[in-house]
All heavy atoms as atom14 arrays in JSON, in Angstrom:
{
  "sequence": "VLGHRRLSIIDLSSGQQPMSTSDGRYCIVFNGEIYNFPELRKELETKG",
  "atom14_mask": [
    [1, 1, 1, 1, 1, 1, 1, 0, 0, 0, 0, 0, 0, 0],
    [1, 1, 1, 1, 1, 1, 1, 1, 0, 0, 0, 0, 0, 0],
    [1, 1, 1, 1, 0, 0, 0, 0, 0, 0, 0, 0, 0, 0],
    [1, 1, 1, 1, 1, 1, 1, 1, 1, 1, 0, 0, 0, 0],
    [1, 1, 1, 1, 1, 1, 1, 1, 1, 1, 1, 0, 0, 0],
    [1, 1, 1, 1, 1, 1, 1, 1, 1, 1, 1, 0, 0, 0],
    [1, 1, 1, 1, 1, 1, 1, 1, 0, 0, 0, 0, 0, 0],
    [1, 1, 1, 1, 1, 1, 0, 0, 0, 0, 0, 0, 0, 0],
    [1, 1, 1, 1, 1, 1, 1, 1, 0, 0, 0, 0, 0, 0],
    [1, 1, 1, 1, 1, 1, 1, 1, 0, 0, 0, 0, 0, 0],
    [1, 1, 1, 1, 1, 1, 1, 1, 0, 0, 0, 0, 0, 0],
    [1, 1, 1, 1, 1, 1, 1, 1, 0, 0, 0, 0, 0, 0],
    [1, 1, 1, 1, 1, 1, 0, 0, 0, 0, 0, 0, 0, 0],
    [1, 1, 1, 1, 1, 1, 0, 0, 0, 0, 0, 0, 0, 0],
    [1, 1, 1, 1, 0, 0, 0, 0, 0, 0, 0, 0, 0, 0],
    [1, 1, 1, 1, 1, 1, 1, 1, 1, 0, 0, 0, 0, 0],
    [1, 1, 1, 1, 1, 1, 1, 1, 1, 0, 0, 0, 0, 0],
    [1, 1, 1, 1, 1, 1, 1, 0, 0, 0, 0, 0, 0, 0],
    [1, 1, 1, 1, 1, 1, 1, 1, 0, 0, 0, 0, 0, 0],
    [1, 1, 1, 1, 1, 1, 0, 0, 0, 0, 0, 0, 0, 0],
    [1, 1, 1, 1, 1, 1, 1, 0, 0, 0, 0, 0, 0, 0],
    [1, 1, 1, 1, 1, 1, 0, 0, 0, 0, 0, 0, 0, 0],
    [1, 1, 1, 1, 1, 1, 1, 1, 0, 0, 0, 0, 0, 0],
    [1, 1, 1, 1, 0, 0, 0, 0, 0, 0, 0, 0, 0, 0],
    [1, 1, 1, 1, 1, 1, 1, 1, 1, 1, 1, 0, 0, 0],
    [1, 1, 1, 1, 1, 1, 1, 1, 1, 1, 1, 1, 0, 0],
    [1, 1, 1, 1, 1, 1, 0, 0, 0, 0, 0, 0, 0, 0],
    [1, 1, 1, 1, 1, 1, 1, 1, 0, 0, 0, 0, 0, 0],
    [1, 1, 1, 1, 1, 1, 1, 0, 0, 0, 0, 0, 0, 0],
    [1, 1, 1, 1, 1, 1, 1, 1, 1, 1, 1, 0, 0, 0],
    [1, 1, 1, 1, 1, 1, 1, 1, 0, 0, 0, 0, 0, 0],
    [1, 1, 1, 1, 0, 0, 0, 0, 0, 0, 0, 0, 0, 0],
    [1, 1, 1, 1, 1, 1, 1, 1, 1, 0, 0, 0, 0, 0],
    [1, 1, 1, 1, 1, 1, 1, 1, 0, 0, 0, 0, 0, 0],
    [1, 1, 1, 1, 1, 1, 1, 1, 1, 1, 1, 1, 0, 0],
    [1, 1, 1, 1, 1, 1, 1, 1, 0, 0, 0, 0, 0, 0],
    [1, 1, 1, 1, 1, 1, 1, 1, 1, 1, 1, 0, 0, 0],
    [1, 1, 1, 1, 1, 1, 1, 0, 0, 0, 0, 0, 0, 0],
    [1, 1, 1, 1, 1, 1, 1, 1, 1, 0, 0, 0, 0, 0],
    [1, 1, 1, 1, 1, 1, 1, 1, 0, 0, 0, 0, 0, 0],
    [1, 1, 1, 1, 1, 1, 1, 1, 1, 1, 1, 0, 0, 0],
    [1, 1, 1, 1, 1, 1, 1, 1, 1, 0, 0, 0, 0, 0],
    [1, 1, 1, 1, 1, 1, 1, 1, 1, 0, 0, 0, 0, 0],
    [1, 1, 1, 1, 1, 1, 1, 1, 0, 0, 0, 0, 0, 0],
    [1, 1, 1, 1, 1, 1, 1, 1, 1, 0, 0, 0, 0, 0],
    [1, 1, 1, 1, 1, 1, 1, 0, 0, 0, 0, 0, 0, 0],
    [1, 1, 1, 1, 1, 1, 1, 1, 1, 0, 0, 0, 0, 0],
    [1, 1, 1, 1, 0, 0, 0, 0, 0, 0, 0, 0, 0, 0]
  ],
  "atom14_positions": [
    [[0.87, -1.17, 0.0], [0.0, 0.0, 0.0], [0.91, 1.22, 0.0], [1.82, 1.32, 0.83], [-0.93, 0.03, 1.23], [-1.83, 1.25, 1.19], [-1.77, -1.24, 1.3], [0.0, 0.0, 0.0], [0.0, 0.0, 0.0], [0.0, 0.0, 0.0], [0.0, 0.0, 0.0], [0.0, 0.0, 0.0], [0.0, 0.0, 0.0], [0.0, 0.0, 0.0]],
    [[0.69, 2.15, -0.95], [1.51, 3.35, -1.09], [0.64, 4.58, -0.9], [-0.51, 4.62, -1.36], [2.16, 3.41, -2.47], [3.07, 2.25, -2.86], [3.52, 2.42, -4.32], [4.26, 2.16, -1.93], [0.0, 0.0, 0.0], [0.0, 0.0, 0.0], [0.0, 0.0, 0.0], [0.0, 0.0, 0.0], [0.0, 0.0, 0.0], [0.0, 0.0, 0.0]],
    [[1.19, 5.58, -0.22], [0.47, 6.82, 0.0], [1.34, 8.02, -0.29], [2.57, 7.94, -0.21], [0.0, 0.0, 0.0], [0.0, 0.0, 0.0], [0.0, 0.0, 0.0], [0.0, 0.0, 0.0], [0.0, 0.0, 0.0], [0.0, 0.0, 0.0], [0.0, 0.0, 0.0], [0.0, 0.0, 0.0], [0.0, 0.0, 0.0], [0.0, 0.0, 0.0]],
    [[0.7, 9.13, -0.61], [1.43, 10.34, -0.98], [0.63, 11.56, -0.57], [-0.58, 11.61, -0.75], [1.64, 10.36, -2.5], [2.52, 11.46, -2.97], [2.02, 12.65, -3.43], [3.86, 11.55, -3.06], [3.03, 13.43, -3.8], [4.17, 12.79, -3.58], [0.0, 0.0, 0.0], [0.0, 0.0, 0.0], [0.0, 0.0, 0.0], [0.0, 0.0, 0.0]],
    [[1.31, 12.56, 0.0], [0.75, 13.88, 0.25], [1.5, 14.84, -0.66], [2.73, 14.82, -0.7], [0.94, 14.32, 1.7], [0.1, 13.61, 2.71], [-1.38, 13.79, 2.57], [-1.78, 15.14, 2.21], [-3.04, 15.51, 1.96], [-4.01, 14.63, 2.02], [-3.3, 16.75, 1.64], [0.0, 0.0, 0.0], [0.0, 0.0, 0.0], [0.0, 0.0, 0.0]],
    [[0.79, 15.66, -1.4], [1.4, 16.45, -2.46], [1.43, 17.94, -2.17], [0.43, 18.54, -1.8], [0.63, 16.23, -3.77], [1.26, 16.95, -4.94], [0.63, 16.51, -6.24], [1.35, 17.09, -7.36], [0.77, 17.57, -8.43], [-0.54, 17.52, -8.57], [1.49, 18.08, -9.4], [0.0, 0.0, 0.0], [0.0, 0.0, 0.0], [0.0, 0.0, 0.0]],
    [[2.61, 18.5, -2.37], [2.79, 19.94, -2.45], [3.03, 20.22, -3.92], [4.07, 19.86, -4.47], [3.99, 20.39, -1.61], [4.35, 21.87, -1.71], [3.22, 22.74, -1.16], [5.65, 22.14, -0.95], [0.0, 0.0, 0.0], [0.0, 0.0, 0.0], [0.0, 0.0, 0.0], [0.0, 0.0, 0.0], [0.0, 0.0, 0.0], [0.0, 0.0, 0.0]],
    [[2.06, 20.8, -4.6], [2.11, 20.97, -6.05], [3.12, 22.05, -6.43], [2.95, 23.22, -6.07], [0.74, 21.34, -6.6], [-0.19, 20.32, -6.31], [0.0, 0.0, 0.0], [0.0, 0.0, 0.0], [0.0, 0.0, 0.0], [0.0, 0.0, 0.0], [0.0, 0.0, 0.0], [0.0, 0.0, 0.0], [0.0, 0.0, 0.0], [0.0, 0.0, 0.0]],
    [[4.15, 21.64, -7.17], [5.16, 22.58, -7.66], [5.29, 22.43, -9.17], [5.26, 23.41, -9.91], [6.52, 22.34, -6.97], [6.38, 22.63, -5.48], [7.6, 23.21, -7.59], [7.58, 22.28, -4.65], [0.0, 0.0, 0.0], [0.0, 0.0, 0.0], [0.0, 0.0, 0.0], [0.0, 0.0, 0.0], [0.0, 0.0, 0.0], [0.0, 0.0, 0.0]],
    [[5.45, 21.2, -9.64], [5.58, 20.92, -11.07], [4.31, 20.2, -11.53], [3.8, 19.34, -10.82], [6.81, 20.03, -11.34], [8.09, 20.79, -10.98], [6.86, 19.58, -12.8], [9.34, 19.97, -11.09], [0.0, 0.0, 0.0], [0.0, 0.0, 0.0], [0.0, 0.0, 0.0], [0.0, 0.0, 0.0], [0.0, 0.0, 0.0], [0.0, 0.0, 0.0]],
    [[3.83, 20.5, -12.71], [2.64, 19.88, -13.29], [1.47, 19.93, -12.3], [1.03, 18.91, -11.79], [2.92, 18.45, -13.74], [1.83, 17.9, -14.64], [0.92, 18.66, -15.03], [1.87, 16.71, -14.94], [0.0, 0.0, 0.0], [0.0, 0.0, 0.0], [0.0, 0.0, 0.0], [0.0, 0.0, 0.0], [0.0, 0.0, 0.0], [0.0, 0.0, 0.0]],
    [[1.01, 21.12, -12.06], [-0.02, 21.34, -11.05], [-1.32, 20.59, -11.33], [-2.03, 20.21, -10.41], [-0.31, 22.84, -10.93], [0.91, 23.72, -10.65], [0.49, 25.18, -10.55], [1.65, 23.27, -9.42], [0.0, 0.0, 0.0], [0.0, 0.0, 0.0], [0.0, 0.0, 0.0], [0.0, 0.0, 0.0], [0.0, 0.0, 0.0], [0.0, 0.0, 0.0]],
    [[-1.63, 20.35, -12.6], [-2.93, 19.76, -12.93], [-2.94, 18.24, -13.05], [-3.99, 17.62, -12.9], [-3.46, 20.36, -14.24], [-2.6, 20.01, -15.3], [0.0, 0.0, 0.0], [0.0, 0.0, 0.0], [0.0, 0.0, 0.0], [0.0, 0.0, 0.0], [0.0, 0.0, 0.0], [0.0, 0.0, 0.0], [0.0, 0.0, 0.0], [0.0, 0.0, 0.0]],
    [[-1.79, 17.59, -13.3], [-1.86, 16.15, -13.54], [-0.7, 15.35, -12.97], [-0.41, 14.26, -13.43], [-1.95, 15.88, -15.05], [-0.77, 16.31, -15.69], [0.0, 0.0, 0.0], [0.0, 0.0, 0.0], [0.0, 0.0, 0.0], [0.0, 0.0, 0.0], [0.0, 0.0, 0.0], [0.0, 0.0, 0.0], [0.0, 0.0, 0.0], [0.0, 0.0, 0.0]],
    [[-0.05, 15.83, -11.94], [1.09, 15.1, -11.39], [0.76, 14.3, -10.14], [1.61, 14.08, -9.3], [0.0, 0.0, 0.0], [0.0, 0.0, 0.0], [0.0, 0.0, 0.0], [0.0, 0.0, 0.0], [0.0, 0.0, 0.0], [0.0, 0.0, 0.0], [0.0, 0.0, 0.0], [0.0, 0.0, 0.0], [0.0, 0.0, 0.0], [0.0, 0.0, 0.0]],
    [[-0.49, 13.85, -10.02], [-0.91, 13.14, -8.82], [-0.13, 11.85, -8.62], [0.22, 11.17, -9.57], [-2.42, 12.82, -8.86], [-3.31, 14.03, -8.79], [-3.46, 14.75, -10.11], [-3.06, 14.25, -11.16], [-4.03, 15.93, -10.09], [0.0, 0.0, 0.0], [0.0, 0.0, 0.0], [0.0, 0.0, 0.0], [0.0, 0.0, 0.0], [0.0, 0.0, 0.0]],
    [[0.08, 11.52, -7.36], [0.75, 10.28, -6.98], [-0.08, 9.58, -5.92], [-0.86, 10.23, -5.25], [2.13, 10.59, -6.41], [3.1, 11.17, -7.39], [4.47, 11.32, -6.77], [4.97, 10.42, -6.11], [5.06, 12.48, -6.96], [0.0, 0.0, 0.0], [0.0, 0.0, 0.0], [0.0, 0.0, 0.0], [0.0, 0.0, 0.0], [0.0, 0.0, 0.0]],
    [[0.13, 8.3, -5.73], [0.99, 7.38, -6.45], [0.65, 7.36, -7.94], [-0.49, 7.5, -8.32], [0.71, 6.03, -5.81], [0.18, 6.33, -4.46], [-0.55, 7.62, -4.61], [0.0, 0.0, 0.0], [0.0, 0.0, 0.0], [0.0, 0.0, 0.0], [0.0, 0.0, 0.0], [0.0, 0.0, 0.0], [0.0, 0.0, 0.0], [0.0, 0.0, 0.0]],
    [[1.69, 7.19, -8.75], [1.55, 7.21, -10.2], [1.94, 5.84, -10.75], [2.95, 5.27, -10.34], [2.47, 8.28, -10.79], [2.35, 8.46, -12.28], [3.48, 9.76, -12.89], [2.71, 11.23, -12.22], [0.0, 0.0, 0.0], [0.0, 0.0, 0.0], [0.0, 0.0, 0.0], [0.0, 0.0, 0.0], [0.0, 0.0, 0.0], [0.0, 0.0, 0.0]],
    [[1.12, 5.34, -11.66], [1.37, 4.03, -12.26], [1.62, 4.15, -13.75], [1.16, 5.11, -14.38], [0.16, 3.11, -12.06], [-0.07, 2.88, -10.7], [0.0, 0.0, 0.0], [0.0, 0.0, 0.0], [0.0, 0.0, 0.0], [0.0, 0.0, 0.0], [0.0, 0.0, 0.0], [0.0, 0.0, 0.0], [0.0, 0.0, 0.0], [0.0, 0.0, 0.0]],
    [[2.31, 3.17, -14.29], [2.45, 3.09, -15.74], [1.09, 2.78, -16.34], [0.18, 2.31, -15.64], [3.46, 2.0, -16.15], [3.08, 0.76, -15.54], [4.88, 2.36, -15.73], [0.0, 0.0, 0.0], [0.0, 0.0, 0.0], [0.0, 0.0, 0.0], [0.0, 0.0, 0.0], [0.0, 0.0, 0.0], [0.0, 0.0, 0.0], [0.0, 0.0, 0.0]],
    [[0.92, 3.04, -17.62], [-0.39, 2.85, -18.24], [-0.88, 1.41, -18.15], [-2.08, 1.16, -18.09], [-0.37, 3.31, -19.7], [0.61, 2.6, -20.42], [0.0, 0.0, 0.0], [0.0, 0.0, 0.0], [0.0, 0.0, 0.0], [0.0, 0.0, 0.0], [0.0, 0.0, 0.0], [0.0, 0.0, 0.0], [0.0, 0.0, 0.0], [0.0, 0.0, 0.0]],
    [[0.04, 0.44, -18.11], [-0.38, -0.95, -17.98], [-0.53, -1.39, -16.52], [-0.92, -2.52, -16.24], [0.6, -1.89, -18.69], [2.0, -1.88, -18.11], [2.26, -1.18, -17.1], [2.88, -2.56, -18.69], [0.0, 0.0, 0.0], [0.0, 0.0, 0.0], [0.0, 0.0, 0.0], [0.0, 0.0, 0.0], [0.0, 0.0, 0.0], [0.0, 0.0, 0.0]],
    [[-0.21, -0.5, -15.57], [-0.37, -0.8, -14.16], [0.72, -1.68, -13.56], [0.65, -2.05, -12.4], [0.0, 0.0, 0.0], [0.0, 0.0, 0.0], [0.0, 0.0, 0.0], [0.0, 0.0, 0.0], [0.0, 0.0, 0.0], [0.0, 0.0, 0.0], [0.0, 0.0, 0.0], [0.0, 0.0, 0.0], [0.0, 0.0, 0.0], [0.0, 0.0, 0.0]],
    [[1.74, -1.99, -14.35], [2.78, -2.91, -13.87], [3.67, -2.27, -12.8], [4.1, -2.92, -11.87], [3.63, -3.38, -15.04], [4.68, -4.37, -14.61], [5.38, -5.01, -15.76], [6.35, -5.98, -15.27], [7.3, -6.51, -16.0], [7.39, -6.2, -17.27], [8.15, -7.35, -15.47], [0.0, 0.0, 0.0], [0.0, 0.0, 0.0], [0.0, 0.0, 0.0]],
    [[3.97, -0.98, -12.97], [4.84, -0.27, -12.04], [4.1, 0.9, -11.42], [3.29, 1.55, -12.08], [6.1, 0.24, -12.75], [6.92, -0.85, -13.36], [6.85, -1.12, -14.72], [7.76, -1.65, -12.58], [7.6, -2.14, -15.29], [8.51, -2.66, -13.15], [8.42, -2.9, -14.5], [9.15, -3.91, -15.06], [0.0, 0.0, 0.0], [0.0, 0.0, 0.0]],
    [[4.42, 1.17, -10.17], [3.81, 2.28, -9.44], [4.89, 2.96, -8.61], [5.8, 2.3, -8.11], [2.69, 1.74, -8.55], [1.74, 3.01, -7.71], [0.0, 0.0, 0.0], [0.0, 0.0, 0.0], [0.0, 0.0, 0.0], [0.0, 0.0, 0.0], [0.0, 0.0, 0.0], [0.0, 0.0, 0.0], [0.0, 0.0, 0.0], [0.0, 0.0, 0.0]],
    [[4.78, 4.29, -8.46], [5.8, 5.05, -7.75], [5.17, 6.1, -6.84], [4.13, 6.66, -7.16], [6.76, 5.73, -8.75], [7.94, 6.4, -8.05], [6.02, 6.72, -9.62], [8.99, 6.96, -9.0], [0.0, 0.0, 0.0], [0.0, 0.0, 0.0], [0.0, 0.0, 0.0], [0.0, 0.0, 0.0], [0.0, 0.0, 0.0], [0.0, 0.0, 0.0]],
    [[5.81, 6.31, -5.7], [5.62, 7.52, -4.91], [7.01, 8.14, -4.83], [8.0, 7.43, -4.66], [5.03, 7.27, -3.51], [3.58, 6.88, -3.6], [5.81, 6.25, -2.73], [0.0, 0.0, 0.0], [0.0, 0.0, 0.0], [0.0, 0.0, 0.0], [0.0, 0.0, 0.0], [0.0, 0.0, 0.0], [0.0, 0.0, 0.0], [0.0, 0.0, 0.0]],
    [[7.09, 9.44, -4.98], [8.38, 10.09, -5.12], [8.36, 11.43, -4.41], [7.42, 12.2, -4.54], [8.67, 10.28, -6.61], [9.92, 11.05, -6.93], [11.17, 10.56, -6.58], [9.84, 12.26, -7.59], [12.32, 11.27, -6.89], [10.98, 12.97, -7.91], [12.22, 12.48, -7.54], [0.0, 0.0, 0.0], [0.0, 0.0, 0.0], [0.0, 0.0, 0.0]],
    [[9.39, 11.69, -3.63], [9.55, 12.97, -2.96], [10.9, 13.53, -3.37], [11.93, 13.06, -2.91], [9.47, 12.81, -1.45], [9.61, 14.13, -0.73], [9.44, 15.18, -1.32], [9.93, 14.07, 0.54], [0.0, 0.0, 0.0], [0.0, 0.0, 0.0], [0.0, 0.0, 0.0], [0.0, 0.0, 0.0], [0.0, 0.0, 0.0], [0.0, 0.0, 0.0]],
    [[10.88, 14.47, -4.25], [12.12, 15.06, -4.72], [11.84, 15.88, -5.95], [10.69, 16.11, -6.31], [0.0, 0.0, 0.0], [0.0, 0.0, 0.0], [0.0, 0.0, 0.0], [0.0, 0.0, 0.0], [0.0, 0.0, 0.0], [0.0, 0.0, 0.0], [0.0, 0.0, 0.0], [0.0, 0.0, 0.0], [0.0, 0.0, 0.0], [0.0, 0.0, 0.0]],
    [[12.9, 16.29, -6.59], [12.74, 17.02, -7.84], [13.91, 16.66, -8.75], [15.06, 16.65, -8.33], [12.74, 18.54, -7.59], [12.41, 19.32, -8.82], [12.21, 20.8, -8.55], [12.03, 21.19, -7.4], [12.23, 21.57, -9.54], [0.0, 0.0, 0.0], [0.0, 0.0, 0.0], [0.0, 0.0, 0.0], [0.0, 0.0, 0.0], [0.0, 0.0, 0.0]],
    [[13.57, 16.34, -9.98], [14.58, 16.01, -10.98], [14.75, 17.26, -11.85], [13.89, 17.59, -12.65], [14.16, 14.8, -11.83], [13.92, 13.6, -10.92], [15.22, 14.49, -12.88], [13.29, 12.43, -11.6], [0.0, 0.0, 0.0], [0.0, 0.0, 0.0], [0.0, 0.0, 0.0], [0.0, 0.0, 0.0], [0.0, 0.0, 0.0], [0.0, 0.0, 0.0]],
    [[15.84, 17.96, -11.65], [16.03, 19.25, -12.29], [16.2, 19.14, -13.8], [15.81, 20.05, -14.53], [17.23, 19.98, -11.67], [16.99, 20.31, -10.22], [17.65, 19.62, -9.22], [16.08, 21.29, -9.85], [17.42, 19.92, -7.89], [15.83, 21.59, -8.53], [16.51, 20.89, -7.54], [16.27, 21.17, -6.24], [0.0, 0.0, 0.0], [0.0, 0.0, 0.0]],
    [[16.76, 18.05, -14.29], [16.97, 17.91, -15.74], [15.92, 17.02, -16.39], [16.14, 16.47, -17.45], [18.38, 17.38, -16.03], [18.57, 15.96, -15.56], [17.91, 15.51, -14.63], [19.5, 15.25, -16.18], [0.0, 0.0, 0.0], [0.0, 0.0, 0.0], [0.0, 0.0, 0.0], [0.0, 0.0, 0.0], [0.0, 0.0, 0.0], [0.0, 0.0, 0.0]],
    [[14.74, 16.92, -15.76], [13.73, 16.03, -16.32], [13.27, 16.44, -17.72], [12.94, 15.55, -18.52], [12.55, 15.81, -15.36], [11.46, 16.85, -15.44], [10.37, 16.65, -16.26], [11.52, 18.0, -14.68], [9.35, 17.59, -16.33], [10.52, 18.94, -14.73], [9.43, 18.74, -15.56], [0.0, 0.0, 0.0], [0.0, 0.0, 0.0], [0.0, 0.0, 0.0]],
    [[13.25, 17.73, -18.1], [12.83, 18.03, -19.48], [13.77, 17.4, -20.52], [13.31, 16.88, -21.54], [12.87, 19.56, -19.54], [12.65, 20.0, -18.13], [13.39, 18.97, -17.31], [0.0, 0.0, 0.0], [0.0, 0.0, 0.0], [0.0, 0.0, 0.0], [0.0, 0.0, 0.0], [0.0, 0.0, 0.0], [0.0, 0.0, 0.0], [0.0, 0.0, 0.0]],
    [[15.06, 17.42, -20.24], [16.02, 16.8, -21.16], [15.86, 15.28, -21.19], [15.89, 14.66, -22.26], [17.46, 17.17, -20.77], [17.8, 18.63, -20.93], [17.39, 19.49, -19.74], [16.9, 18.96, -18.71], [17.55, 20.72, -19.84], [0.0, 0.0, 0.0], [0.0, 0.0, 0.0], [0.0, 0.0, 0.0], [0.0, 0.0, 0.0], [0.0, 0.0, 0.0]],
    [[15.67, 14.7, -20.02], [15.47, 13.25, -19.94], [14.18, 12.85, -20.67], [14.14, 11.83, -21.37], [15.41, 12.79, -18.48], [16.68, 12.98, -17.67], [16.42, 12.67, -16.2], [17.81, 12.12, -18.21], [0.0, 0.0, 0.0], [0.0, 0.0, 0.0], [0.0, 0.0, 0.0], [0.0, 0.0, 0.0], [0.0, 0.0, 0.0], [0.0, 0.0, 0.0]],
    [[13.15, 13.64, -20.49], [11.87, 13.37, -21.15], [12.02, 13.39, -22.67], [11.52, 12.5, -23.36], [10.84, 14.39, -20.69], [9.48, 14.21, -21.32], [8.58, 15.36, -20.93], [7.37, 15.33, -21.68], [6.18, 14.98, -21.19], [6.05, 14.68, -19.93], [5.12, 14.97, -21.96], [0.0, 0.0, 0.0], [0.0, 0.0, 0.0], [0.0, 0.0, 0.0]],
    [[12.71, 14.4, -23.2], [12.92, 14.48, -24.65], [13.66, 13.24, -25.16], [13.32, 12.7, -26.21], [13.7, 15.75, -25.01], [12.89, 17.0, -24.9], [13.71, 18.22, -25.23], [12.92, 19.48, -24.97], [13.72, 20.69, -25.12], [0.0, 0.0, 0.0], [0.0, 0.0, 0.0], [0.0, 0.0, 0.0], [0.0, 0.0, 0.0], [0.0, 0.0, 0.0]],
    [[14.65, 12.8, -24.42], [15.4, 11.61, -24.81], [14.49, 10.38, -24.84], [14.55, 9.58, -25.77], [16.54, 11.38, -23.82], [17.44, 10.22, -24.17], [18.58, 10.06, -23.17], [19.07, 11.06, -22.64], [18.94, 8.89, -22.92], [0.0, 0.0, 0.0], [0.0, 0.0, 0.0], [0.0, 0.0, 0.0], [0.0, 0.0, 0.0], [0.0, 0.0, 0.0]],
    [[13.63, 10.24, -23.84], [12.7, 9.11, -23.8], [11.68, 9.19, -24.94], [11.3, 8.18, -25.53], [12.0, 9.04, -22.45], [12.9, 8.67, -21.27], [12.17, 8.9, -19.95], [13.35, 7.22, -21.38], [0.0, 0.0, 0.0], [0.0, 0.0, 0.0], [0.0, 0.0, 0.0], [0.0, 0.0, 0.0], [0.0, 0.0, 0.0], [0.0, 0.0, 0.0]],
    [[11.22, 10.4, -25.25], [10.27, 10.57, -26.35], [10.87, 10.15, -27.68], [10.17, 9.59, -28.53], [9.77, 12.02, -26.39], [8.83, 12.36, -25.26], [8.44, 13.82, -25.2], [9.27, 14.68, -25.58], [7.31, 14.11, -24.77], [0.0, 0.0, 0.0], [0.0, 0.0, 0.0], [0.0, 0.0, 0.0], [0.0, 0.0, 0.0], [0.0, 0.0, 0.0]],
    [[12.16, 10.39, -27.87], [12.81, 9.95, -29.12], [12.85, 8.43, -29.22], [12.99, 7.88, -30.31], [14.25, 10.5, -29.26], [15.06, 9.95, -28.23], [14.27, 12.01, -29.24], [0.0, 0.0, 0.0], [0.0, 0.0, 0.0], [0.0, 0.0, 0.0], [0.0, 0.0, 0.0], [0.0, 0.0, 0.0], [0.0, 0.0, 0.0], [0.0, 0.0, 0.0]],
    [[12.7, 7.75, -28.08], [12.68, 6.29, -28.05], [11.25, 5.74, -28.12], [11.03, 4.55, -27.96], [13.37, 5.78, -26.79], [14.84, 6.12, -26.76], [15.49, 5.66, -25.48], [16.96, 6.04, -25.5], [17.65, 5.62, -24.27], [0.0, 0.0, 0.0], [0.0, 0.0, 0.0], [0.0, 0.0, 0.0], [0.0, 0.0, 0.0], [0.0, 0.0, 0.0]],
    [[10.29, 6.64, -28.34], [8.91, 6.22, -28.51], [8.07, 6.2, -27.25], [6.91, 5.79, -27.27], [0.0, 0.0, 0.0], [0.0, 0.0, 0.0], [0.0, 0.0, 0.0], [0.0, 0.0, 0.0], [0.0, 0.0, 0.0], [0.0, 0.0, 0.0], [0.0, 0.0, 0.0], [0.0, 0.0, 0.0], [0.0, 0.0, 0.0], [0.0, 0.0, 0.0]]
  ]
}
């Protein structure tokens, strides 16, 4: 069982957690900030 309390800083409208993959296989609760996530995201998008 995973729980999360959110202080909205990034993606105010859709960053709710716990967050699961679309197939439900993986789920995450995360407390932190990834400063270079836009660059990482672009790299992942190029991989489909």
